[in-house]
C-alpha atoms as a PDB file:
ATOM      1  CA  MET A   1      53.340 -60.295  -0.234  1.00  0.00           C
ATOM      2  CA  PRO A   2      51.847 -56.775  -0.654  1.00  0.00           C
ATOM      3  CA  GLU A   3      49.715 -55.401   2.154  1.00  0.00           C
ATOM      4  CA  GLN A   4      45.997 -55.588   1.476  1.00  0.00           C
ATOM      5  CA  PRO A   5      44.109 -52.240   1.712  1.00  0.00           C
ATOM      6  CA  ARG A   6      41.710 -51.902   4.592  1.00  0.00           C
ATOM      7  CA  SER A   7      38.136 -51.591   3.427  1.00  0.00           C
ATOM      8  CA  SER A   8      36.735 -49.620   6.361  1.00  0.00           C
ATOM      9  CA  ALA A   9      37.597 -48.111   9.701  1.00  0.00           C
ATOM     10  CA  LEU A  10      35.363 -50.642  11.367  1.00  0.00           C
ATOM     11  CA  SER A  11      37.450 -53.613  10.304  1.00  0.00           C
ATOM     12  CA  GLU A  12      37.987 -56.174  13.038  1.00  0.00           C
ATOM     13  CA  ASP A  13      41.821 -55.959  12.871  1.00  0.00           C
ATOM     14  CA  LEU A  14      41.845 -52.225  13.790  1.00  0.00           C
ATOM     15  CA  THR A  15      42.303 -51.082  17.336  1.00  0.00           C
ATOM     16  CA  PRO A  16      40.439 -48.065  18.751  1.00  0.00           C
ATOM     17  CA  GLY A  17      43.607 -46.008  18.537  1.00  0.00           C
ATOM     18  CA  GLU A  18      44.023 -46.782  14.830  1.00  0.00           C
ATOM     19  CA  ILE A  19      40.381 -45.921  14.183  1.00  0.00           C
ATOM     20  CA  PHE A  20      40.754 -42.432  15.671  1.00  0.00           C
ATOM     21  CA  ALA A  21      44.106 -42.015  13.964  1.00  0.00           C
ATOM     22  CA  GLU A  22      42.576 -42.607  10.555  1.00  0.00           C
ATOM     23  CA  ALA A  23      39.543 -40.319  11.218  1.00  0.00           C
ATOM     24  CA  PRO A  24      39.753 -36.793   9.756  1.00  0.00           C
ATOM     25  CA  ALA A  25      41.138 -34.232  12.158  1.00  0.00           C
ATOM     26  CA  GLU A  26      38.250 -31.805  11.605  1.00  0.00           C
ATOM     27  CA  VAL A  27      35.151 -31.397   9.512  1.00  0.00           C
ATOM     28  CA  THR A  28      35.293 -28.158   7.563  1.00  0.00           C
ATOM     29  CA  VAL A  29      32.503 -26.136   5.990  1.00  0.00           C
ATOM     30  CA  ASP A  30      34.118 -26.592   2.595  1.00  0.00           C
ATOM     31  CA  ALA A  31      34.002 -30.347   3.037  1.00  0.00           C
ATOM     32  CA  ILE A  32      30.331 -30.253   3.935  1.00  0.00           C
ATOM     33  CA  MET A  33      29.560 -28.059   0.934  1.00  0.00           C
ATOM     34  CA  SER A  34      31.590 -30.366  -1.299  1.00  0.00           C
ATOM     35  CA  GLU A  35      29.587 -33.354  -0.085  1.00  0.00           C
ATOM     36  CA  ALA A  36      26.374 -31.405  -0.789  1.00  0.00           C
ATOM     37  CA  GLY A  37      27.432 -30.887  -4.380  1.00  0.00           C
ATOM     38  CA  GLY A  38      28.605 -27.284  -4.182  1.00  0.00           C
ATOM     39  CA  ALA A  39      32.091 -26.124  -5.016  1.00  0.00           C
ATOM     40  CA  ALA A  40      34.337 -25.446  -2.026  1.00  0.00           C
ATOM     41  CA  GLY A  41      34.502 -21.768  -1.145  1.00  0.00           C
ATOM     42  CA  GLU A  42      31.289 -20.848  -2.962  1.00  0.00           C
ATOM     43  CA  PRO A  43      28.340 -19.647  -0.817  1.00  0.00           C
ATOM     44  CA  LEU A  44      25.148 -21.638  -0.860  1.00  0.00           C
ATOM     45  CA  PRO A  45      22.520 -20.109  -3.132  1.00  0.00           C
ATOM     46  CA  ARG A  46      20.214 -17.782  -1.226  1.00  0.00           C
ATOM     47  CA  ARG A  47      16.545 -17.812  -2.017  1.00  0.00           C
ATOM     48  CA  ARG A  48      15.365 -14.298  -2.663  1.00  0.00           C
ATOM     49  CA  ARG A  49      11.911 -13.152  -1.700  1.00  0.00           C
ATOM     50  CA  LYS A  50      10.095 -11.546  -4.630  1.00  0.00           C
ATOM     51  CA  LEU A  51       7.075  -9.301  -4.843  1.00  0.00           C
ATOM     52  CA  GLY A  52       5.472 -11.625  -7.357  1.00  0.00           C
ATOM     53  CA  PHE A  53       3.613 -11.271 -10.641  1.00  0.00           C
ATOM     54  CA  GLY A  54       0.393 -10.136  -8.970  1.00  0.00           C
ATOM     55  CA  PHE A  55       2.105  -7.114  -7.433  1.00  0.00           C
ATOM     56  CA  TRP A  56       3.487  -5.968 -10.781  1.00  0.00           C
ATOM     57  CA  LEU A  57       0.133  -6.534 -12.464  1.00  0.00           C
ATOM     58  CA  ALA A  58      -1.507  -4.342  -9.821  1.00  0.00           C
ATOM     59  CA  ALA A  59       1.236  -1.747 -10.276  1.00  0.00           C
ATOM     60  CA  PHE A  60       0.669  -1.781 -14.044  1.00  0.00           C
ATOM     61  CA  TRP A  61      -3.055  -1.123 -13.585  1.00  0.00           C
ATOM     62  CA  MET A  62      -2.345   1.776 -11.233  1.00  0.00           C
ATOM     63  CA  VAL A  63       0.200   3.310 -13.599  1.00  0.00           C
ATOM     64  CA  LEU A  64      -2.276   2.954 -16.474  1.00  0.00           C
ATOM     65  CA  ILE A  65      -5.141   4.606 -14.555  1.00  0.00           C
ATOM     66  CA  ILE A  66      -2.949   7.436 -13.273  1.00  0.00           C
ATOM     67  CA  ALA A  67      -1.534   8.042 -16.757  1.00  0.00           C
ATOM     68  CA  LEU A  68      -5.001   8.141 -18.340  1.00  0.00           C
ATOM     69  CA  ALA A  69      -6.248  10.535 -15.663  1.00  0.00           C
ATOM     70  CA  ALA A  70      -3.221  12.801 -15.959  1.00  0.00           C
ATOM     71  CA  LEU A  71      -3.351  12.890 -19.768  1.00  0.00           C
ATOM     72  CA  ALA A  72      -7.143  13.249 -20.025  1.00  0.00           C
ATOM     73  CA  PRO A  73      -6.967  16.884 -21.311  1.00  0.00           C
ATOM     74  CA  VAL A  74      -4.774  15.879 -24.270  1.00  0.00           C
ATOM     75  CA  LEU A  75      -6.320  12.499 -25.083  1.00  0.00           C
ATOM     76  CA  PRO A  76      -8.810  12.319 -27.989  1.00  0.00           C
ATOM     77  CA  LEU A  77     -11.799  11.962 -25.663  1.00  0.00           C
ATOM     78  CA  ALA A  78     -15.299  13.341 -26.028  1.00  0.00           C
ATOM     79  CA  ASP A  79     -16.378  16.177 -23.793  1.00  0.00           C
ATOM     80  CA  PRO A  80     -17.490  14.418 -20.581  1.00  0.00           C
ATOM     81  CA  ASP A  81     -20.224  17.016 -19.984  1.00  0.00           C
ATOM     82  CA  GLN A  82     -21.484  17.184 -23.575  1.00  0.00           C
ATOM     83  CA  VAL A  83     -25.149  16.225 -23.469  1.00  0.00           C
ATOM     84  CA  GLY A  84     -26.298  14.348 -26.568  1.00  0.00           C
ATOM     85  CA  ASP A  85     -22.810  13.392 -27.717  1.00  0.00           C
ATOM     86  CA  GLY A  86     -24.328  10.014 -28.574  1.00  0.00           C
ATOM     87  CA  PRO A  87     -27.685   8.266 -28.362  1.00  0.00           C
ATOM     88  CA  ALA A  88     -29.062   8.014 -24.849  1.00  0.00           C
ATOM     89  CA  ASN A  89     -28.360   4.781 -22.941  1.00  0.00           C
ATOM     90  CA  SER A  90     -26.527   3.197 -25.856  1.00  0.00           C
ATOM     91  CA  GLY A  91     -24.381   0.099 -25.439  1.00  0.00           C
ATOM     92  CA  PHE A  92     -20.827  -0.532 -26.593  1.00  0.00           C
ATOM     93  CA  SER A  93     -20.102   0.826 -30.076  1.00  0.00           C
ATOM     94  CA  THR A  94     -17.231   2.073 -32.210  1.00  0.00           C
ATOM     95  CA  SER A  95     -18.158   5.700 -31.569  1.00  0.00           C
ATOM     96  CA  ASN A  96     -18.784   5.208 -27.831  1.00  0.00           C
ATOM     97  CA  TRP A  97     -16.607   2.315 -26.699  1.00  0.00           C
ATOM     98  CA  LEU A  98     -18.202   1.911 -23.270  1.00  0.00           C
ATOM     99  CA  GLY A  99     -21.624   3.268 -24.191  1.00  0.00           C
ATOM    100  CA  THR A 100     -23.443   6.397 -23.031  1.00  0.00           C
ATOM    101  CA  ASP A 101     -25.587   7.413 -20.072  1.00  0.00           C
ATOM    102  CA  ARG A 102     -29.201   8.601 -20.074  1.00  0.00           C
ATOM    103  CA  LEU A 103     -28.103  12.062 -21.296  1.00  0.00           C
ATOM    104  CA  GLY A 104     -26.038  10.675 -24.158  1.00  0.00           C
ATOM    105  CA  ARG A 105     -22.679  11.492 -22.533  1.00  0.00           C
ATOM    106  CA  ASP A 106     -19.719   9.231 -23.352  1.00  0.00           C
ATOM    107  CA  LEU A 107     -19.030   6.893 -20.426  1.00  0.00           C
ATOM    108  CA  LEU A 108     -15.373   6.278 -21.277  1.00  0.00           C
ATOM    109  CA  SER A 109     -14.642   9.990 -21.229  1.00  0.00           C
ATOM    110  CA  ARG A 110     -16.620  10.563 -18.035  1.00  0.00           C
ATOM    111  CA  THR A 111     -14.937   7.617 -16.317  1.00  0.00           C
ATOM    112  CA  ILE A 112     -11.420   8.820 -17.156  1.00  0.00           C
ATOM    113  CA  TRP A 113     -12.232  12.384 -16.134  1.00  0.00           C
ATOM    114  CA  GLY A 114     -13.913  11.105 -12.995  1.00  0.00           C
ATOM    115  CA  ALA A 115     -10.731   9.198 -12.140  1.00  0.00           C
ATOM    116  CA  ARG A 116      -8.933  12.529 -11.832  1.00  0.00           C
ATOM    117  CA  ILE A 117     -11.052  13.564  -8.852  1.00  0.00           C
ATOM    118  CA  SER A 118     -11.289  10.126  -7.239  1.00  0.00           C
ATOM    119  CA  LEU A 119      -7.538   9.497  -7.435  1.00  0.00           C
ATOM    120  CA  VAL A 120      -6.649  12.995  -6.239  1.00  0.00           C
ATOM    121  CA  VAL A 121      -9.008  12.582  -3.295  1.00  0.00           C
ATOM    122  CA  GLY A 122      -7.413   9.238  -2.443  1.00  0.00           C
ATOM    123  CA  PHE A 123      -3.751  10.185  -2.764  1.00  0.00           C
ATOM    124  CA  VAL A 124      -3.898  13.742  -1.392  1.00  0.00           C
ATOM    125  CA  ALA A 125      -6.077  12.806   1.583  1.00  0.00           C
ATOM    126  CA  VAL A 126      -3.744   9.953   2.541  1.00  0.00           C
ATOM    127  CA  ALA A 127      -0.687  12.179   2.000  1.00  0.00           C
ATOM    128  CA  PHE A 128      -2.227  14.592   4.496  1.00  0.00           C
ATOM    129  CA  GLY A 129      -2.740  11.703   6.909  1.00  0.00           C
ATOM    130  CA  LEU A 130       0.876  10.595   6.428  1.00  0.00           C
ATOM    131  CA  LEU A 131       2.185  14.079   7.068  1.00  0.00           C
ATOM    132  CA  VAL A 132       0.119  14.736  10.209  1.00  0.00           C
ATOM    133  CA  GLY A 133      -0.466  11.254  11.598  1.00  0.00           C
ATOM    134  CA  GLY A 134       3.013  10.016  10.756  1.00  0.00           C
ATOM    135  CA  ALA A 135       4.640  13.024  12.436  1.00  0.00           C
ATOM    136  CA  ILE A 136       2.683  12.849  15.684  1.00  0.00           C
ATOM    137  CA  GLY A 137       3.085   9.064  15.864  1.00  0.00           C
ATOM    138  CA  LEU A 138       6.840   9.423  15.352  1.00  0.00           C
ATOM    139  CA  LEU A 139       7.149  12.044  18.097  1.00  0.00           C
ATOM    140  CA  ALA A 140       4.883  10.164  20.501  1.00  0.00           C
ATOM    141  CA  GLY A 141       6.770   6.885  20.058  1.00  0.00           C
ATOM    142  CA  TYR A 142      10.193   8.467  20.494  1.00  0.00           C
ATOM    143  CA  TYR A 143       9.643  10.922  23.347  1.00  0.00           C
ATOM    144  CA  ARG A 144       6.890   8.954  25.140  1.00  0.00           C
ATOM    145  CA  GLY A 145       5.819  10.257  28.544  1.00  0.00           C
ATOM    146  CA  ILE A 146       2.908  12.636  28.933  1.00  0.00           C
ATOM    147  CA  PHE A 147       3.099  13.687  25.273  1.00  0.00           C
ATOM    148  CA  ASP A 148       2.657  10.084  24.147  1.00  0.00           C
ATOM    149  CA  ARG A 149      -0.322   9.509  26.438  1.00  0.00           C
ATOM    150  CA  LEU A 150      -2.007  12.746  25.358  1.00  0.00           C
ATOM    151  CA  ILE A 151      -1.578  12.056  21.644  1.00  0.00           C
ATOM    152  CA  MET A 152      -2.749   8.463  21.926  1.00  0.00           C
ATOM    153  CA  ARG A 153      -5.890   9.485  23.811  1.00  0.00           C
ATOM    154  CA  MET A 154      -6.724  11.904  20.999  1.00  0.00           C
ATOM    155  CA  VAL A 155      -6.122   9.149  18.451  1.00  0.00           C
ATOM    156  CA  ASP A 156      -8.390   6.811  20.418  1.00  0.00           C
ATOM    157  CA  ILE A 157     -11.132   9.450  20.355  1.00  0.00           C
ATOM    158  CA  LEU A 158     -10.834   9.735  16.569  1.00  0.00           C
ATOM    159  CA  LEU A 159     -10.990   5.960  16.203  1.00  0.00           C
ATOM    160  CA  ALA A 160     -14.018   5.776  18.491  1.00  0.00           C
ATOM    161  CA  PHE A 161     -16.112   7.751  15.995  1.00  0.00           C
ATOM    162  CA  PRO A 162     -17.541   5.733  13.094  1.00  0.00           C
ATOM    163  CA  ALA A 163     -15.605   6.916  10.053  1.00  0.00           C
ATOM    164  CA  ILE A 164     -18.665   7.601   7.904  1.00  0.00           C
ATOM    165  CA  VAL A 165     -20.352   9.602  10.673  1.00  0.00           C
ATOM    166  CA  LEU A 166     -17.236  11.706  11.227  1.00  0.00           C
ATOM    167  CA  GLY A 167     -16.879  12.276   7.473  1.00  0.00           C
ATOM    168  CA  LEU A 168     -20.522  13.325   7.222  1.00  0.00           C
ATOM    169  CA  ALA A 169     -20.113  15.762  10.090  1.00  0.00           C
ATOM    170  CA  LEU A 170     -16.976  17.331   8.636  1.00  0.00           C
ATOM    171  CA  VAL A 171     -18.351  17.726   5.097  1.00  0.00           C
ATOM    172  CA  THR A 172     -21.665  19.070   6.386  1.00  0.00           C
ATOM    173  CA  PHE A 173     -19.927  21.579   8.648  1.00  0.00           C
ATOM    174  CA  LEU A 174     -17.190  22.655   6.198  1.00  0.00           C
ATOM    175  CA  GLY A 175     -19.207  22.535   2.970  1.00  0.00           C
ATOM    176  CA  ARG A 176     -19.052  20.537  -0.265  1.00  0.00           C
ATOM    177  CA  ASP A 177     -15.999  22.209  -1.759  1.00  0.00           C
ATOM    178  CA  PHE A 178     -13.287  20.004  -3.197  1.00  0.00           C
ATOM    179  CA  GLN A 179     -10.757  21.229  -0.613  1.00  0.00           C
ATOM    180  CA  ASN A 180     -13.148  20.458   2.225  1.00  0.00           C
ATOM    181  CA  LEU A 181     -13.696  16.946   0.893  1.00  0.00           C
ATOM    182  CA  LEU A 182      -9.931  16.397   0.853  1.00  0.00           C
ATOM    183  CA  LEU A 183      -9.628  17.709   4.404  1.00  0.00           C
ATOM    184  CA  ALA A 184     -12.500  15.568   5.710  1.00  0.00           C
ATOM    185  CA  ILE A 185     -11.115  12.319   4.280  1.00  0.00           C
ATOM    186  CA  GLY A 186      -7.579  13.331   5.272  1.00  0.00           C
ATOM    187  CA  VAL A 187      -8.659  13.710   8.905  1.00  0.00           C
ATOM    188  CA  LEU A 188     -10.080  10.174   8.808  1.00  0.00           C
ATOM    189  CA  SER A 189      -6.662   8.788   7.805  1.00  0.00           C
ATOM    190  CA  ILE A 190      -4.709  10.473  10.622  1.00  0.00           C
ATOM    191  CA  ALA A 191      -5.561   8.058  13.458  1.00  0.00           C
ATOM    192  CA  PRO A 192      -4.625   4.669  11.876  1.00  0.00           C
ATOM    193  CA  ILE A 193      -1.408   6.073  10.397  1.00  0.00           C
ATOM    194  CA  ALA A 194      -0.456   7.665  13.742  1.00  0.00           C
ATOM    195  CA  ARG A 195      -0.905   4.353  15.560  1.00  0.00           C
ATOM    196  CA  LEU A 196       1.224   2.479  13.025  1.00  0.00           C
ATOM    197  CA  SER A 197       3.897   5.182  13.098  1.00  0.00           C
ATOM    198  CA  ARG A 198       4.060   5.094  16.896  1.00  0.00           C
ATOM    199  CA  ALA A 199       4.224   1.281  17.024  1.00  0.00           C
ATOM    200  CA  ASN A 200       7.122   1.130  14.551  1.00  0.00           C
ATOM    201  CA  THR A 201       8.912   4.014  16.280  1.00  0.00           C
ATOM    202  CA  LEU A 202       8.747   2.184  19.604  1.00  0.00           C
ATOM    203  CA  GLN A 203      10.354  -0.816  17.927  1.00  0.00           C
ATOM    204  CA  TRP A 204      13.160   1.017  16.123  1.00  0.00           C
ATOM    205  CA  ALA A 205      13.942   3.466  18.936  1.00  0.00           C
ATOM    206  CA  GLU A 206      15.296   0.555  21.018  1.00  0.00           C
ATOM    207  CA  ARG A 207      17.731  -0.718  18.370  1.00  0.00           C
ATOM    208  CA  ASP A 208      21.458  -0.681  19.053  1.00  0.00           C
ATOM    209  CA  PHE A 209      22.307   1.832  16.343  1.00  0.00           C
ATOM    210  CA  VAL A 210      19.849   4.335  17.862  1.00  0.00           C
ATOM    211  CA  THR A 211      21.327   3.787  21.308  1.00  0.00           C
ATOM    212  CA  ALA A 212      24.804   4.262  19.872  1.00  0.00           C
ATOM    213  CA  ALA A 213      23.811   7.498  18.153  1.00  0.00           C
ATOM    214  CA  ARG A 214      22.263   8.747  21.399  1.00  0.00           C
ATOM    215  CA  GLY A 215      25.427   7.791  23.284  1.00  0.00           C
ATOM    216  CA  LEU A 216      27.564   9.745  20.807  1.00  0.00           C
ATOM    217  CA  GLY A 217      25.588  12.877  21.646  1.00  0.00           C
ATOM    218  CA  ALA A 218      23.268  13.068  18.617  1.00  0.00           C
ATOM    219  CA  LYS A 219      20.205  15.211  19.207  1.00  0.00           C
ATOM    220  CA  GLY A 220      16.703  13.793  19.146  1.00  0.00           C
ATOM    221  CA  ARG A 221      15.664  15.444  15.893  1.00  0.00           C
ATOM    222  CA  ARG A 222      18.792  14.132  14.137  1.00  0.00           C
ATOM    223  CA  ILE A 223      18.144  10.594  15.414  1.00  0.00           C
ATOM    224  CA  LEU A 224      14.523  10.808  14.287  1.00  0.00           C
ATOM    225  CA  ALA A 225      15.441  12.099  10.823  1.00  0.00           C
ATOM    226  CA  ARG A 226      18.483   9.906  10.155  1.00  0.00           C
ATOM    227  CA  GLU A 227      17.912   6.688  12.083  1.00  0.00           C
ATOM    228  CA  VAL A 228      14.229   6.159  12.878  1.00  0.00           C
ATOM    229  CA  LEU A 229      12.265   7.818  10.071  1.00  0.00           C
ATOM    230  CA  PRO A 230      13.787   5.845   7.142  1.00  0.00           C
ATOM    231  CA  ASN A 231      12.832   2.573   8.863  1.00  0.00           C
ATOM    232  CA  VAL A 232       9.353   3.720   9.914  1.00  0.00           C
ATOM    233  CA  LEU A 233       8.520   5.224   6.521  1.00  0.00           C
ATOM    234  CA  LEU A 234       8.367   1.973   4.539  1.00  0.00           C
ATOM    235  CA  PRO A 235       5.615   0.324   6.630  1.00  0.00           C
ATOM    236  CA  MET A 236       3.655   3.591   6.555  1.00  0.00           C
ATOM    237  CA  LEU A 237       3.886   3.735   2.756  1.00  0.00           C
ATOM    238  CA  ALA A 238       2.569   0.169   2.538  1.00  0.00           C
ATOM    239  CA  LEU A 239      -0.368   1.177   4.733  1.00  0.00           C
ATOM    240  CA  ALA A 240      -0.828   4.324   2.639  1.00  0.00           C
ATOM    241  CA  LEU A 241      -1.717   2.240  -0.432  1.00  0.00           C
ATOM    242  CA  LEU A 242      -4.479   0.572   1.565  1.00  0.00           C
ATOM    243  CA  GLY A 243      -5.515   4.013   2.797  1.00  0.00           C
ATOM    244  CA  VAL A 244      -5.847   5.338  -0.756  1.00  0.00           C
ATOM    245  CA  ALA A 245      -8.253   2.510  -1.562  1.00  0.00           C
ATOM    246  CA  ILE A 246     -10.309   3.307   1.543  1.00  0.00           C
ATOM    247  CA  ALA A 247     -10.328   7.024   0.688  1.00  0.00           C
ATOM    248  CA  ILE A 248     -11.642   6.323  -2.814  1.00  0.00           C
ATOM    249  CA  ILE A 249     -14.452   4.227  -1.340  1.00  0.00           C
ATOM    250  CA  ALA A 250     -15.142   6.958   1.251  1.00  0.00           C
ATOM    251  CA  GLU A 251     -15.603   9.516  -1.520  1.00  0.00           C
ATOM    252  CA  GLY A 252     -17.994   7.158  -3.281  1.00  0.00           C
ATOM    253  CA  THR A 253     -19.934   6.692  -0.046  1.00  0.00           C
ATOM    254  CA  LEU A 254     -20.268  10.450   0.418  1.00  0.00           C
ATOM    255  CA  ALA A 255     -21.388  10.750  -3.216  1.00  0.00           C
ATOM    256  CA  PHE A 256     -24.220   8.284  -2.570  1.00  0.00           C
ATOM    257  CA  ILE A 257     -25.656  10.576   0.082  1.00  0.00           C
ATOM    258  CA  GLY A 258     -25.110  13.736  -1.944  1.00  0.00           C
ATOM    259  CA  LEU A 259     -22.088  15.098  -0.047  1.00  0.00           C
ATOM    260  CA  SER A 260     -19.356  14.745  -2.643  1.00  0.00           C
ATOM    261  CA  VAL A 261     -18.120  17.548  -4.914  1.00  0.00           C
ATOM    262  CA  GLU A 262     -20.767  19.664  -6.591  1.00  0.00           C
ATOM    263  CA  ASP A 263     -21.868  19.401 -10.235  1.00  0.00           C
ATOM    264  CA  PRO A 264     -20.736  19.436 -12.986  1.00  0.00           C
ATOM    265  CA  THR A 265     -17.597  17.780 -11.603  1.00  0.00           C
ATOM    266  CA  SER A 266     -17.855  14.001 -11.931  1.00  0.00           C
ATOM    267  CA  THR A 267     -16.305  11.276  -9.800  1.00  0.00           C
ATOM    268  CA  TRP A 268     -16.633   7.523  -9.863  1.00  0.00           C
ATOM    269  CA  GLY A 269     -18.940   7.640  -6.853  1.00  0.00           C
ATOM    270  CA  LYS A 270     -21.210  10.243  -8.417  1.00  0.00           C
ATOM    271  CA  MET A 271     -21.369   8.303 -11.682  1.00  0.00           C
ATOM    272  CA  ILE A 272     -22.392   5.119  -9.860  1.00  0.00           C
ATOM    273  CA  PHE A 273     -24.994   7.039  -7.902  1.00  0.00           C
ATOM    274  CA  ALA A 274     -26.362   8.646 -11.093  1.00  0.00           C
ATOM    275  CA  GLY A 275     -26.484   5.300 -12.908  1.00  0.00           C
ATOM    276  CA  LYS A 276     -28.267   3.342 -10.186  1.00  0.00           C
ATOM    277  CA  GLY A 277     -31.635   4.459 -11.535  1.00  0.00           C
ATOM    278  CA  GLU A 278     -30.808   3.131 -15.022  1.00  0.00           C
ATOM    279  CA  LEU A 279     -29.817  -0.417 -14.095  1.00  0.00           C
ATOM    280  CA  GLU A 280     -32.691  -1.943 -16.061  1.00  0.00           C
ATOM    281  CA  ASP A 281     -32.359   0.098 -19.265  1.00  0.00           C
ATOM    282  CA  ALA A 282     -28.647   0.994 -19.240  1.00  0.00           C
ATOM    283  CA  PRO A 283     -26.687  -0.997 -16.630  1.00  0.00           C
ATOM    284  CA  GLN A 284     -23.377   0.123 -18.140  1.00  0.00           C
ATOM    285  CA  ALA A 285     -23.960   3.625 -16.732  1.00  0.00           C
ATOM    286  CA  ALA A 286     -23.304   2.261 -13.242  1.00  0.00           C
ATOM    287  CA  PHE A 287     -21.220  -0.821 -14.016  1.00  0.00           C
ATOM    288  CA  VAL A 288     -18.484   0.948 -16.023  1.00  0.00           C
ATOM    289  CA  PRO A 289     -17.379   3.348 -13.246  1.00  0.00           C
ATOM    290  CA  ALA A 290     -18.002   0.616 -10.667  1.00  0.00           C
ATOM    291  CA  ALA A 291     -15.664  -1.729 -12.563  1.00  0.00           C
ATOM    292  CA  PHE A 292     -12.930   0.926 -12.728  1.00  0.00           C
ATOM    293  CA  MET A 293     -13.313   1.606  -9.011  1.00  0.00           C
ATOM    294  CA  PHE A 294     -13.339  -2.119  -8.199  1.00  0.00           C
ATOM    295  CA  PHE A 295     -10.130  -2.936 -10.095  1.00  0.00           C
ATOM    296  CA  THR A 296      -8.381   0.164  -8.769  1.00  0.00           C
ATOM    297  CA  VAL A 297      -9.274  -0.583  -5.154  1.00  0.00           C
ATOM    298  CA  LEU A 298      -8.344  -4.245  -5.665  1.00  0.00           C
ATOM    299  CA  ALA A 299      -4.966  -3.274  -7.137  1.00  0.00           C
ATOM    300  CA  LEU A 300      -4.245  -0.868  -4.270  1.00  0.00           C
ATOM    301  CA  ASN A 301      -5.251  -3.411  -1.629  1.00  0.00           C
ATOM    302  CA  PHE A 302      -3.234  -6.222  -3.187  1.00  0.00           C
ATOM    303  CA  ALA A 303      -0.142  -4.076  -3.797  1.00  0.00           C
ATOM    304  CA  GLY A 304      -0.246  -2.609  -0.297  1.00  0.00           C
ATOM    305  CA  ASP A 305      -0.720  -5.985   1.375  1.00  0.00           C
ATOM    306  CA  ARG A 306       2.007  -7.634  -0.724  1.00  0.00           C
ATOM    307  CA  LEU A 307       4.413  -4.756  -0.063  1.00  0.00           C
ATOM    308  CA  ARG A 308       3.710  -4.975   3.679  1.00  0.00           C
ATOM    309  CA  GLN A 309       4.503  -8.704   3.683  1.00  0.00           C
ATOM    310  CA  PHE A 310       7.694  -8.097   1.701  1.00  0.00           C
ATOM    311  CA  ILE A 311       8.862  -5.376   4.107  1.00  0.00           C
ATOM    312  CA  ASP A 312       8.074  -7.495   7.171  1.00  0.00           C
ATOM    313  CA  VAL A 313      10.092 -10.411   5.794  1.00  0.00           C
ATOM    314  CA  ARG A 314      13.081  -8.196   5.022  1.00  0.00           C
ATOM    315  CA  GLN A 315      13.018  -6.534   8.427  1.00  0.00           C
ATOM    316  CA  SER A 316      12.629  -9.840  10.265  1.00  0.00           C
ATOM    317  CA  ALA A 317      15.883 -11.007   8.657  1.00  0.00           C
ATOM    318  CA  LEU A 318      17.870  -8.064  10.043  1.00  0.00           C
END
C-alpha cells in the first residue's frame, strides 16, 4: 500500500525532530520577495520623490516672465512712456489688451518693461546676499572660534533692525539711484543667508568625508570648495528663491513711499502706487501690475519652498 502524503508539519504522527527536519534550513530574501509577488533577484520598486506639477507650473511662469522682460526691446510693444498712446483709463481692448492708465499709456507694455527693473532688483540683490552672506556664513561655520562669534554678532545686529527701516535709511543716505537700490536690498538679504549658510556648514563640516579629507592633509580652502560648498549651496539656492520674492516686495514698498528708482523708469511697485488714485475710474491701472507681482511672488515662494522640501528629503536619506 503506497504511503499517504503528509498534509502538514503539524500532523499528530510527526515527532518534534521530524518537524524541524522538514522545516526550511533558512529563509532567504529571494524567497520573501517571491512570496510578495516579485521575481527573485529583482530589487523592490523604489518610490521616487518628485517636485510635483505645482513646481513646474511655477517654473513655467517664471521662465515666461523672465523671457518677456528680457525680450521687451524686440517685442512688438507700444512705447511704455508714450503719453496718449490710447484713450485715458480705457479697459481691455484689441489695441490695448490690458487697458491704459490715466495718461493713455499701454499697461501691458509698461508692466513688461516694469518687470525688467523689478526682476533685476530681486535677482541681483539676492545674488549679492548669496555672495557676501553665503561666504561669511561658510567661513564662520567652518573655522568657528572668535571669528564665528564676531560674525554672528554682526548678523544679529542686522537682524535686530526692522528691514523696512534699514532699507529706508540706506536709500535715503545713498540716494535713489538704481545701483543704490540694489545695494540697499542686497544688504537686507545678507543676514538670513549668512545664518543659513553657517547652520548648514556646521552640519556638513562634521561628516566623515570631511574628516577623512582633513586627515589626508587637505587644506581648509580645498575642503570648503570641494566638500562643504557643494552641499551647502543647494539649501541656499532654495532660500534665494524666497529671497527674490521678498526683494521684489521690498522694492514695491520703497516705491510706495517714493524711494524707488526715479522717473521715467517704471517698476511694478511704482505702477501700483501711481494707480492707487484711479481705483474708482480705472482699477486696471493698479490691478494689472499687482496681479503680475502677485503671481510672480507666489511662484517664487512655492518653487523655493517645494525645492527646499525636496532637498531636505534627499539629504535625510544619505
